[in-house]
Each structure stands twice: as structure tokens, then as C-alpha cells.
Amino acid sequence: MYGALRGRLPAKLVALLKIWDYRSDDTVRHVAGIQMLTPVNSGRLSDLHGLVRVHIREDTRGFTIVDLGTMLKLAHLIPEEERRWLVNSRIDLRTLKEVY
């Protein structure tokens, strides 16, 4: 499912939030505001650059709140067009610092 993404849907991070529930033993929740993305061409790798293209899902709200524990790993989104990105899930942070 979703081709090269192996069943995982990418999302664009909008905000990280820490929420305290003072009513029940000061419970703390770590959540993220995200924009869900949809793979273009069923998530197949592009012949041009070997990356998956994604775009913002039109059927969702501006953003969705999710628990941080549901996120699996980071992916680098490379802007391609307005509201479209390329997904590079193979980049590490040290390489990112050297490139930019």
C-alpha cells in the first residue's frame, strides 16, 4: 500500500505541543499538529529522481492533532511546487546540516 512508502502516510509538521491536564494528576500529553499528505501516482518512485511525490490531502481539515507516539520516523520534504513535495526518507541530520 502506498508504493515505496510501504503503507506509511507522510505528514507535514505544523506544531509541537505539550498539554497539561491539571484535573487528573497533572497528566502531560505530547502532541503534534500535522497536515496529512497523499502520495501522487500511488506512491511509486519517480523515474526522474527516484523519490515519491506527495501533496496536501484536500479532504482533511487544515491540520490534525496526533499523539507523538504514533509517529514512526522523520522524513525530509523537499518543496517541488505549491502544496507538493518530494519525500526523502533516507537523509540523516548530519548530512542535512552539511547540505544546507
PDB file of N, CA and C in Angstrom:
ATOM      1  N   MET A   1       0.842  -1.182   0.000  1.00  0.00           N
ATOM      2  CA  MET A   1       0.000   0.000   0.000  1.00  0.00           C
ATOM      3  C   MET A   1       0.892   1.252   0.000  1.00  0.00           C
ATOM      4  N   TYR A   2       0.554   2.231  -0.772  1.00  0.00           N
ATOM      5  CA  TYR A   2       1.287   3.497  -0.938  1.00  0.00           C
ATOM      6  C   TYR A   2       2.669   3.297  -1.543  1.00  0.00           C
ATOM      7  N   GLY A   3       2.851   2.245  -2.312  1.00  0.00           N
ATOM      8  CA  GLY A   3       4.080   2.041  -3.069  1.00  0.00           C
ATOM      9  C   GLY A   3       5.338   2.015  -2.217  1.00  0.00           C
ATOM     10  N   ALA A   4       6.303   2.850  -2.583  1.00  0.00           N
ATOM     11  CA  ALA A   4       7.608   2.872  -1.915  1.00  0.00           C
ATOM     12  C   ALA A   4       7.517   3.328  -0.459  1.00  0.00           C
ATOM     13  N   LEU A   5       6.408   3.931  -0.058  1.00  0.00           N
ATOM     14  CA  LEU A   5       6.245   4.378   1.337  1.00  0.00           C
ATOM     15  C   LEU A   5       5.892   3.215   2.266  1.00  0.00           C
ATOM     16  N   ARG A   6       5.672   2.035   1.711  1.00  0.00           N
ATOM     17  CA  ARG A   6       5.401   0.804   2.471  1.00  0.00           C
ATOM     18  C   ARG A   6       4.273   0.950   3.494  1.00  0.00           C
ATOM     19  N   GLY A   7       3.159   1.508   3.062  1.00  0.00           N
ATOM     20  CA  GLY A   7       1.985   1.610   3.927  1.00  0.00           C
ATOM     21  C   GLY A   7       1.976   2.782   4.876  1.00  0.00           C
ATOM     22  N   ARG A   8       2.995   3.606   4.846  1.00  0.00           N
ATOM     23  CA  ARG A   8       3.069   4.760   5.748  1.00  0.00           C
ATOM     24  C   ARG A   8       2.673   6.024   5.002  1.00  0.00           C
ATOM     25  N   LEU A   9       1.817   6.814   5.612  1.00  0.00           N
ATOM     26  CA  LEU A   9       1.434   8.090   5.021  1.00  0.00           C
ATOM     27  C   LEU A   9       2.269   9.201   5.633  1.00  0.00           C
ATOM     28  N   PRO A  10       2.903  10.012   4.823  1.00  0.00           N
ATOM     29  CA  PRO A  10       3.669  11.133   5.369  1.00  0.00           C
ATOM     30  C   PRO A  10       2.752  12.279   5.770  1.00  0.00           C
ATOM     31  N   ALA A  11       3.278  13.131   6.637  1.00  0.00           N
ATOM     32  CA  ALA A  11       2.547  14.324   7.087  1.00  0.00           C
ATOM     33  C   ALA A  11       3.536  15.469   7.246  1.00  0.00           C
ATOM     34  N   LYS A  12       3.030  16.678   7.093  1.00  0.00           N
ATOM     35  CA  LYS A  12       3.851  17.872   7.265  1.00  0.00           C
ATOM     36  C   LYS A  12       3.623  18.401   8.683  1.00  0.00           C
ATOM     37  N   LEU A  13       4.696  18.563   9.442  1.00  0.00           N
ATOM     38  CA  LEU A  13       4.603  19.030  10.823  1.00  0.00           C
ATOM     39  C   LEU A  13       4.283  20.520  10.854  1.00  0.00           C
ATOM     40  N   VAL A  14       3.236  20.881  11.591  1.00  0.00           N
ATOM     41  CA  VAL A  14       2.829  22.276  11.744  1.00  0.00           C
ATOM     42  C   VAL A  14       3.253  22.805  13.107  1.00  0.00           C
ATOM     43  N   ALA A  15       3.048  22.005  14.168  1.00  0.00           N
ATOM     44  CA  ALA A  15       3.366  22.460  15.519  1.00  0.00           C
ATOM     45  C   ALA A  15       3.575  21.277  16.453  1.00  0.00           C
ATOM     46  N   LEU A  16       4.446  21.474  17.445  1.00  0.00           N
ATOM     47  CA  LEU A  16       4.613  20.521  18.538  1.00  0.00           C
ATOM     48  C   LEU A  16       4.019  21.152  19.785  1.00  0.00           C
ATOM     49  N   LEU A  17       3.215  20.387  20.519  1.00  0.00           N
ATOM     50  CA  LEU A  17       2.527  20.918  21.689  1.00  0.00           C
ATOM     51  C   LEU A  17       2.701  19.996  22.886  1.00  0.00           C
ATOM     52  N   LYS A  18       2.763  20.603  24.068  1.00  0.00           N
ATOM     53  CA  LYS A  18       2.802  19.863  25.325  1.00  0.00           C
ATOM     54  C   LYS A  18       1.576  20.328  26.102  1.00  0.00           C
ATOM     55  N   ILE A  19       0.687  19.407  26.420  1.00  0.00           N
ATOM     56  CA  ILE A  19      -0.582  19.755  27.068  1.00  0.00           C
ATOM     57  C   ILE A  19      -0.637  19.149  28.459  1.00  0.00           C
ATOM     58  N   TRP A  20      -0.878  20.001  29.457  1.00  0.00           N
ATOM     59  CA  TRP A  20      -1.034  19.541  30.833  1.00  0.00           C
ATOM     60  C   TRP A  20      -2.514  19.458  31.161  1.00  0.00           C
ATOM     61  N   ASP A  21      -2.924  18.331  31.755  1.00  0.00           N
ATOM     62  CA  ASP A  21      -4.288  18.161  32.240  1.00  0.00           C
ATOM     63  C   ASP A  21      -4.241  18.289  33.759  1.00  0.00           C
ATOM     64  N   TYR A  22      -4.519  19.475  34.265  1.00  0.00           N
ATOM     65  CA  TYR A  22      -4.437  19.749  35.700  1.00  0.00           C
ATOM     66  C   TYR A  22      -5.543  19.060  36.482  1.00  0.00           C
ATOM     67  N   ARG A  23      -6.576  18.596  35.806  1.00  0.00           N
ATOM     68  CA  ARG A  23      -7.694  17.959  36.506  1.00  0.00           C
ATOM     69  C   ARG A  23      -7.367  16.546  36.953  1.00  0.00           C
ATOM     70  N   SER A  24      -6.406  15.891  36.306  1.00  0.00           N
ATOM     71  CA  SER A  24      -6.127  14.494  36.657  1.00  0.00           C
ATOM     72  C   SER A  24      -4.626  14.281  36.859  1.00  0.00           C
ATOM     73  N   ASP A  25      -4.148  14.552  38.045  1.00  0.00           N
ATOM     74  CA  ASP A  25      -2.761  14.294  38.442  1.00  0.00           C
ATOM     75  C   ASP A  25      -1.722  14.923  37.513  1.00  0.00           C
ATOM     76  N   ASP A  26      -2.002  16.087  36.986  1.00  0.00           N
ATOM     77  CA  ASP A  26      -1.058  16.793  36.113  1.00  0.00           C
ATOM     78  C   ASP A  26      -0.547  15.912  34.968  1.00  0.00           C
ATOM     79  N   THR A  27      -1.443  15.185  34.339  1.00  0.00           N
ATOM     80  CA  THR A  27      -1.075  14.351  33.192  1.00  0.00           C
ATOM     81  C   THR A  27      -0.565  15.241  32.060  1.00  0.00           C
ATOM     82  N   VAL A  28       0.528  14.820  31.432  1.00  0.00           N
ATOM     83  CA  VAL A  28       1.112  15.583  30.336  1.00  0.00           C
ATOM     84  C   VAL A  28       0.968  14.790  29.039  1.00  0.00           C
ATOM     85  N   ARG A  29       0.521  15.441  28.006  1.00  0.00           N
ATOM     86  CA  ARG A  29       0.397  14.832  26.680  1.00  0.00           C
ATOM     87  C   ARG A  29       1.300  15.578  25.710  1.00  0.00           C
ATOM     88  N   HIS A  30       2.053  14.826  24.906  1.00  0.00           N
ATOM     89  CA  HIS A  30       2.887  15.411  23.866  1.00  0.00           C
ATOM     90  C   HIS A  30       2.206  15.121  22.532  1.00  0.00           C
ATOM     91  N   VAL A  31       1.784  16.165  21.842  1.00  0.00           N
ATOM     92  CA  VAL A  31       1.051  16.001  20.597  1.00  0.00           C
ATOM     93  C   VAL A  31       1.667  16.868  19.501  1.00  0.00           C
ATOM     94  N   ALA A  32       1.250  16.594  18.276  1.00  0.00           N
ATOM     95  CA  ALA A  32       1.721  17.369  17.129  1.00  0.00           C
ATOM     96  C   ALA A  32       0.530  17.767  16.277  1.00  0.00           C
ATOM     97  N   GLY A  33       0.606  18.970  15.739  1.00  0.00           N
ATOM     98  CA  GLY A  33      -0.353  19.419  14.736  1.00  0.00           C
ATOM     99  C   GLY A  33       0.263  19.127  13.374  1.00  0.00           C
ATOM    100  N   ILE A  34      -0.418  18.348  12.553  1.00  0.00           N
ATOM    101  CA  ILE A  34       0.147  17.937  11.260  1.00  0.00           C
ATOM    102  C   ILE A  34      -0.851  18.180  10.131  1.00  0.00           C
ATOM    103  N   GLN A  35      -0.339  18.278   8.914  1.00  0.00           N
ATOM    104  CA  GLN A  35      -1.152  18.282   7.705  1.00  0.00           C
ATOM    105  C   GLN A  35      -0.900  16.955   7.009  1.00  0.00           C
ATOM    106  N   MET A  36      -1.939  16.169   6.826  1.00  0.00           N
ATOM    107  CA  MET A  36      -1.794  14.868   6.175  1.00  0.00           C
ATOM    108  C   MET A  36      -1.499  15.064   4.697  1.00  0.00           C
ATOM    109  N   LEU A  37      -0.618  14.225   4.163  1.00  0.00           N
ATOM    110  CA  LEU A  37      -0.234  14.271   2.760  1.00  0.00           C
ATOM    111  C   LEU A  37      -0.663  12.985   2.068  1.00  0.00           C
ATOM    112  N   THR A  38      -0.835  13.044   0.764  1.00  0.00           N
ATOM    113  CA  THR A  38      -1.227  11.890  -0.035  1.00  0.00           C
ATOM    114  C   THR A  38      -0.177  11.649  -1.107  1.00  0.00           C
ATOM    115  N   PRO A  39       0.233  10.401  -1.306  1.00  0.00           N
ATOM    116  CA  PRO A  39       1.204  10.116  -2.366  1.00  0.00           C
ATOM    117  C   PRO A  39       0.590  10.311  -3.751  1.00  0.00           C
ATOM    118  N   VAL A  40       1.371  10.860  -4.654  1.00  0.00           N
ATOM    119  CA  VAL A  40       0.976  11.002  -6.053  1.00  0.00           C
ATOM    120  C   VAL A  40       1.365   9.716  -6.769  1.00  0.00           C
ATOM    121  N   ASN A  41       0.566   9.299  -7.737  1.00  0.00           N
ATOM    122  CA  ASN A  41       0.869   8.113  -8.545  1.00  0.00           C
ATOM    123  C   ASN A  41       0.998   6.855  -7.676  1.00  0.00           C
ATOM    124  N   SER A  42       0.131   6.737  -6.685  1.00  0.00           N
ATOM    125  CA  SER A  42       0.087   5.574  -5.773  1.00  0.00           C
ATOM    126  C   SER A  42       1.385   5.331  -5.025  1.00  0.00           C
ATOM    127  N   GLY A  43       2.213   6.365  -4.846  1.00  0.00           N
ATOM    128  CA  GLY A  43       3.439   6.229  -4.076  1.00  0.00           C
ATOM    129  C   GLY A  43       4.584   5.586  -4.832  1.00  0.00           C
ATOM    130  N   ARG A  44       4.478   5.499  -6.151  1.00  0.00           N
ATOM    131  CA  ARG A  44       5.570   4.922  -6.943  1.00  0.00           C
ATOM    132  C   ARG A  44       6.723   5.914  -7.037  1.00  0.00           C
ATOM    133  N   LEU A  45       7.934   5.387  -7.104  1.00  0.00           N
ATOM    134  CA  LEU A  45       9.116   6.232  -7.253  1.00  0.00           C
ATOM    135  C   LEU A  45       9.113   6.867  -8.642  1.00  0.00           C
ATOM    136  N   SER A  46       9.494   8.128  -8.694  1.00  0.00           N
ATOM    137  CA  SER A  46       9.572   8.839  -9.964  1.00  0.00           C
ATOM    138  C   SER A  46      10.776   8.339 -10.762  1.00  0.00           C
ATOM    139  N   ASP A  47      10.612   8.206 -12.059  1.00  0.00           N
ATOM    140  CA  ASP A  47      11.729   7.817 -12.928  1.00  0.00           C
ATOM    141  C   ASP A  47      12.770   8.931 -13.008  1.00  0.00           C
ATOM    142  N   LEU A  48      12.351  10.169 -12.821  1.00  0.00           N
ATOM    143  CA  LEU A  48      13.237  11.316 -12.946  1.00  0.00           C
ATOM    144  C   LEU A  48      14.264  11.405 -11.820  1.00  0.00           C
ATOM    145  N   HIS A  49      13.817  11.280 -10.555  1.00  0.00           N
ATOM    146  CA  HIS A  49      14.715  11.476  -9.414  1.00  0.00           C
ATOM    147  C   HIS A  49      14.676  10.347  -8.392  1.00  0.00           C
ATOM    148  N   GLY A  50      13.810   9.375  -8.556  1.00  0.00           N
ATOM    149  CA  GLY A  50      13.766   8.229  -7.661  1.00  0.00           C
ATOM    150  C   GLY A  50      13.144   8.507  -6.306  1.00  0.00           C
ATOM    151  N   LEU A  51      12.341   9.569  -6.197  1.00  0.00           N
ATOM    152  CA  LEU A  51      11.675   9.913  -4.939  1.00  0.00           C
ATOM    153  C   LEU A  51      10.161   9.874  -5.135  1.00  0.00           C
ATOM    154  N   VAL A  52       9.429   9.792  -4.040  1.00  0.00           N
ATOM    155  CA  VAL A  52       7.971   9.789  -4.065  1.00  0.00           C
ATOM    156  C   VAL A  52       7.473  11.226  -3.973  1.00  0.00           C
ATOM    157  N   ARG A  53       6.485  11.563  -4.793  1.00  0.00           N
ATOM    158  CA  ARG A  53       5.838  12.887  -4.722  1.00  0.00           C
ATOM    159  C   ARG A  53       4.611  12.784  -3.828  1.00  0.00           C
ATOM    160  N   VAL A  54       4.365  13.837  -3.042  1.00  0.00           N
ATOM    161  CA  VAL A  54       3.173  13.909  -2.197  1.00  0.00           C
ATOM    162  C   VAL A  54       2.550  15.295  -2.324  1.00  0.00           C
ATOM    163  N   HIS A  55       1.262  15.371  -1.972  1.00  0.00           N
ATOM    164  CA  HIS A  55       0.579  16.670  -1.934  1.00  0.00           C
ATOM    165  C   HIS A  55      -0.374  16.687  -0.750  1.00  0.00           C
ATOM    166  N   ILE A  56      -0.819  17.876  -0.353  1.00  0.00           N
ATOM    167  CA  ILE A  56      -1.722  18.008   0.793  1.00  0.00           C
ATOM    168  C   ILE A  56      -3.067  17.393   0.441  1.00  0.00           C
ATOM    169  N   ARG A  57      -3.598  16.613   1.353  1.00  0.00           N
ATOM    170  CA  ARG A  57      -4.909  15.989   1.149  1.00  0.00           C
ATOM    171  C   ARG A  57      -5.983  17.062   1.156  1.00  0.00           C
ATOM    172  N   GLU A  58      -6.827  17.026   0.161  1.00  0.00           N
ATOM    173  CA  GLU A  58      -7.900  18.016   0.036  1.00  0.00           C
ATOM    174  C   GLU A  58      -9.099  17.680   0.915  1.00  0.00           C
ATOM    175  N   ASP A  59      -9.229  16.430   1.337  1.00  0.00           N
ATOM    176  CA  ASP A  59     -10.406  16.003   2.089  1.00  0.00           C
ATOM    177  C   ASP A  59     -10.250  16.137   3.601  1.00  0.00           C
ATOM    178  N   THR A  60      -9.176  16.770   4.063  1.00  0.00           N
ATOM    179  CA  THR A  60      -8.961  16.910   5.504  1.00  0.00           C
ATOM    180  C   THR A  60      -9.013  18.373   5.909  1.00  0.00           C
ATOM    181  N   ARG A  61      -9.086  18.606   7.202  1.00  0.00           N
ATOM    182  CA  ARG A  61      -9.071  19.969   7.735  1.00  0.00           C
ATOM    183  C   ARG A  61      -7.688  20.576   7.567  1.00  0.00           C
ATOM    184  N   GLY A  62      -7.541  21.824   8.006  1.00  0.00           N
ATOM    185  CA  GLY A  62      -6.253  22.497   7.911  1.00  0.00           C
ATOM    186  C   GLY A  62      -5.135  21.713   8.564  1.00  0.00           C
ATOM    187  N   PHE A  63      -5.397  21.161   9.732  1.00  0.00           N
ATOM    188  CA  PHE A  63      -4.419  20.280  10.376  1.00  0.00           C
ATOM    189  C   PHE A  63      -5.124  19.340  11.334  1.00  0.00           C
ATOM    190  N   THR A  64      -4.416  18.299  11.728  1.00  0.00           N
ATOM    191  CA  THR A  64      -4.940  17.256  12.603  1.00  0.00           C
ATOM    192  C   THR A  64      -4.006  17.136  13.803  1.00  0.00           C
ATOM    193  N   ILE A  65      -4.546  16.866  14.980  1.00  0.00           N
ATOM    194  CA  ILE A  65      -3.748  16.659  16.190  1.00  0.00           C
ATOM    195  C   ILE A  65      -3.545  15.154  16.392  1.00  0.00           C
ATOM    196  N   VAL A  66      -2.284  14.756  16.559  1.00  0.00           N
ATOM    197  CA  VAL A  66      -1.963  13.342  16.802  1.00  0.00           C
ATOM    198  C   VAL A  66      -0.986  13.232  17.970  1.00  0.00           C
ATOM    199  N   ASP A  67      -0.990  12.086  18.631  1.00  0.00           N
ATOM    200  CA  ASP A  67      -0.045  11.801  19.700  1.00  0.00           C
ATOM    201  C   ASP A  67       1.338  11.570  19.094  1.00  0.00           C
ATOM    202  N   LEU A  68       2.379  12.099  19.720  1.00  0.00           N
ATOM    203  CA  LEU A  68       3.726  11.927  19.185  1.00  0.00           C
ATOM    204  C   LEU A  68       4.140  10.458  19.097  1.00  0.00           C
ATOM    205  N   GLY A  69       3.588   9.626  19.943  1.00  0.00           N
ATOM    206  CA  GLY A  69       3.921   8.209  19.933  1.00  0.00           C
ATOM    207  C   GLY A  69       3.476   7.488  18.668  1.00  0.00           C
ATOM    208  N   THR A  70       2.570   8.086  17.903  1.00  0.00           N
ATOM    209  CA  THR A  70       2.103   7.449  16.671  1.00  0.00           C
ATOM    210  C   THR A  70       3.027   7.725  15.485  1.00  0.00           C
ATOM    211  N   MET A  71       3.968   8.647  15.644  1.00  0.00           N
ATOM    212  CA  MET A  71       4.894   8.958  14.556  1.00  0.00           C
ATOM    213  C   MET A  71       6.016   7.927  14.538  1.00  0.00           C
ATOM    214  N   LEU A  72       6.357   7.452  13.358  1.00  0.00           N
ATOM    215  CA  LEU A  72       7.349   6.388  13.242  1.00  0.00           C
ATOM    216  C   LEU A  72       8.759   6.906  13.022  1.00  0.00           C
ATOM    217  N   LYS A  73       8.937   7.846  12.077  1.00  0.00           N
ATOM    218  CA  LYS A  73      10.268   8.388  11.836  1.00  0.00           C
ATOM    219  C   LYS A  73      10.155   9.683  11.042  1.00  0.00           C
ATOM    220  N   LEU A  74      11.278  10.384  10.926  1.00  0.00           N
ATOM    221  CA  LEU A  74      11.318  11.645  10.208  1.00  0.00           C
ATOM    222  C   LEU A  74      11.541  11.417   8.720  1.00  0.00           C
ATOM    223  N   ALA A  75      11.032  12.325   7.934  1.00  0.00           N
ATOM    224  CA  ALA A  75      11.295  12.337   6.501  1.00  0.00           C
ATOM    225  C   ALA A  75      11.552  13.782   6.092  1.00  0.00           C
ATOM    226  N   HIS A  76      12.415  13.968   5.148  1.00  0.00           N
ATOM    227  CA  HIS A  76      12.742  15.297   4.656  1.00  0.00           C
ATOM    228  C   HIS A  76      11.825  15.593   3.468  1.00  0.00           C
ATOM    229  N   LEU A  77      11.017  16.669   3.579  1.00  0.00           N
ATOM    230  CA  LEU A  77      10.142  17.070   2.485  1.00  0.00           C
ATOM    231  C   LEU A  77      10.836  18.158   1.677  1.00  0.00           C
ATOM    232  N   ILE A  78      11.024  17.921   0.405  1.00  0.00           N
ATOM    233  CA  ILE A  78      11.686  18.864  -0.487  1.00  0.00           C
ATOM    234  C   ILE A  78      10.604  19.570  -1.301  1.00  0.00           C
ATOM    235  N   PRO A  79      10.462  20.900  -1.170  1.00  0.00           N
ATOM    236  CA  PRO A  79       9.416  21.604  -1.930  1.00  0.00           C
ATOM    237  C   PRO A  79       9.633  21.425  -3.431  1.00  0.00           C
ATOM    238  N   GLU A  80       8.540  21.106  -4.124  1.00  0.00           N
ATOM    239  CA  GLU A  80       8.616  20.936  -5.571  1.00  0.00           C
ATOM    240  C   GLU A  80       7.756  21.984  -6.270  1.00  0.00           C
ATOM    241  N   GLU A  81       6.503  22.073  -5.891  1.00  0.00           N
ATOM    242  CA  GLU A  81       5.560  23.047  -6.413  1.00  0.00           C
ATOM    243  C   GLU A  81       4.744  23.539  -5.232  1.00  0.00           C
ATOM    244  N   GLU A  82       3.789  24.420  -5.503  1.00  0.00           N
ATOM    245  CA  GLU A  82       2.916  24.867  -4.428  1.00  0.00           C
ATOM    246  C   GLU A  82       2.082  23.684  -3.935  1.00  0.00           C
ATOM    247  N   ARG A  83       2.177  23.386  -2.653  1.00  0.00           N
ATOM    248  CA  ARG A  83       1.443  22.305  -1.992  1.00  0.00           C
ATOM    249  C   ARG A  83       1.844  20.912  -2.472  1.00  0.00           C
ATOM    250  N   ARG A  84       3.072  20.781  -3.016  1.00  0.00           N
ATOM    251  CA  ARG A  84       3.619  19.484  -3.436  1.00  0.00           C
ATOM    252  C   ARG A  84       5.060  19.372  -2.984  1.00  0.00           C
ATOM    253  N   TRP A  85       5.446  18.156  -2.553  1.00  0.00           N
ATOM    254  CA  TRP A  85       6.798  17.904  -2.069  1.00  0.00           C
ATOM    255  C   TRP A  85       7.305  16.570  -2.583  1.00  0.00           C
ATOM    256  N   LEU A  86       8.618  16.411  -2.515  1.00  0.00           N
ATOM    257  CA  LEU A  86       9.267  15.123  -2.723  1.00  0.00           C
ATOM    258  C   LEU A  86       9.638  14.588  -1.350  1.00  0.00           C
ATOM    259  N   VAL A  87       9.500  13.295  -1.123  1.00  0.00           N
ATOM    260  CA  VAL A  87       9.808  12.690   0.170  1.00  0.00           C
ATOM    261  C   VAL A  87      11.175  12.022   0.099  1.00  0.00           C
ATOM    262  N   ASN A  88      12.105  12.496   0.927  1.00  0.00           N
ATOM    263  CA  ASN A  88      13.412  11.864   1.047  1.00  0.00           C
ATOM    264  C   ASN A  88      13.507  11.308   2.455  1.00  0.00           C
ATOM    265  N   SER A  89      13.256  10.028   2.611  1.00  0.00           N
ATOM    266  CA  SER A  89      13.275   9.410   3.940  1.00  0.00           C
ATOM    267  C   SER A  89      14.640   8.816   4.261  1.00  0.00           C
ATOM    268  N   ARG A  90      15.620   9.007   3.391  1.00  0.00           N
ATOM    269  CA  ARG A  90      16.948   8.414   3.594  1.00  0.00           C
ATOM    270  C   ARG A  90      17.971   9.417   4.105  1.00  0.00           C
ATOM    271  N   ILE A  91      17.605  10.648   4.359  1.00  0.00           N
ATOM    272  CA  ILE A  91      18.567  11.667   4.775  1.00  0.00           C
ATOM    273  C   ILE A  91      18.762  11.608   6.292  1.00  0.00           C
ATOM    274  N   ASP A  92      19.972  11.812   6.761  1.00  0.00           N
ATOM    275  CA  ASP A  92      20.212  11.897   8.201  1.00  0.00           C
ATOM    276  C   ASP A  92      20.512  13.353   8.556  1.00  0.00           C
ATOM    277  N   LEU A  93      20.376  13.688   9.817  1.00  0.00           N
ATOM    278  CA  LEU A  93      20.518  15.090  10.243  1.00  0.00           C
ATOM    279  C   LEU A  93      21.902  15.637  10.019  1.00  0.00           C
ATOM    280  N   ARG A  94      22.935  14.820  10.134  1.00  0.00           N
ATOM    281  CA  ARG A  94      24.302  15.312   9.896  1.00  0.00           C
ATOM    282  C   ARG A  94      24.464  15.710   8.439  1.00  0.00           C
ATOM    283  N   THR A  95      23.956  14.910   7.530  1.00  0.00           N
ATOM    284  CA  THR A  95      24.013  15.242   6.111  1.00  0.00           C
ATOM    285  C   THR A  95      23.210  16.500   5.829  1.00  0.00           C
ATOM    286  N   LEU A  96      22.051  16.645   6.455  1.00  0.00           N
ATOM    287  CA  LEU A  96      21.212  17.818   6.255  1.00  0.00           C
ATOM    288  C   LEU A  96      21.951  19.091   6.650  1.00  0.00           C
ATOM    289  N   LYS A  97      22.685  19.054   7.762  1.00  0.00           N
ATOM    290  CA  LYS A  97      23.444  20.218   8.212  1.00  0.00           C
ATOM    291  C   LYS A  97      24.545  20.580   7.219  1.00  0.00           C
ATOM    292  N   GLU A  98      25.165  19.577   6.625  1.00  0.00           N
ATOM    293  CA  GLU A  98      26.257  19.833   5.680  1.00  0.00           C
ATOM    294  C   GLU A  98      25.726  20.384   4.347  1.00  0.00           C
ATOM    295  N   VAL A  99      24.543  19.929   3.937  1.00  0.00           N
ATOM    296  CA  VAL A  99      23.983  20.371   2.654  1.00  0.00           C
ATOM    297  C   VAL A  99      23.472  21.798   2.746  1.00  0.00           C
ATOM    298  N   TYR A 100      22.775  22.127   3.821  1.00  0.00           N
ATOM    299  CA  TYR A 100      22.180  23.450   3.944  1.00  0.00           C
ATOM    300  C   TYR A 100      23.096  24.304   4.750  1.00  0.00           C
TER     301      TYR A 100
END
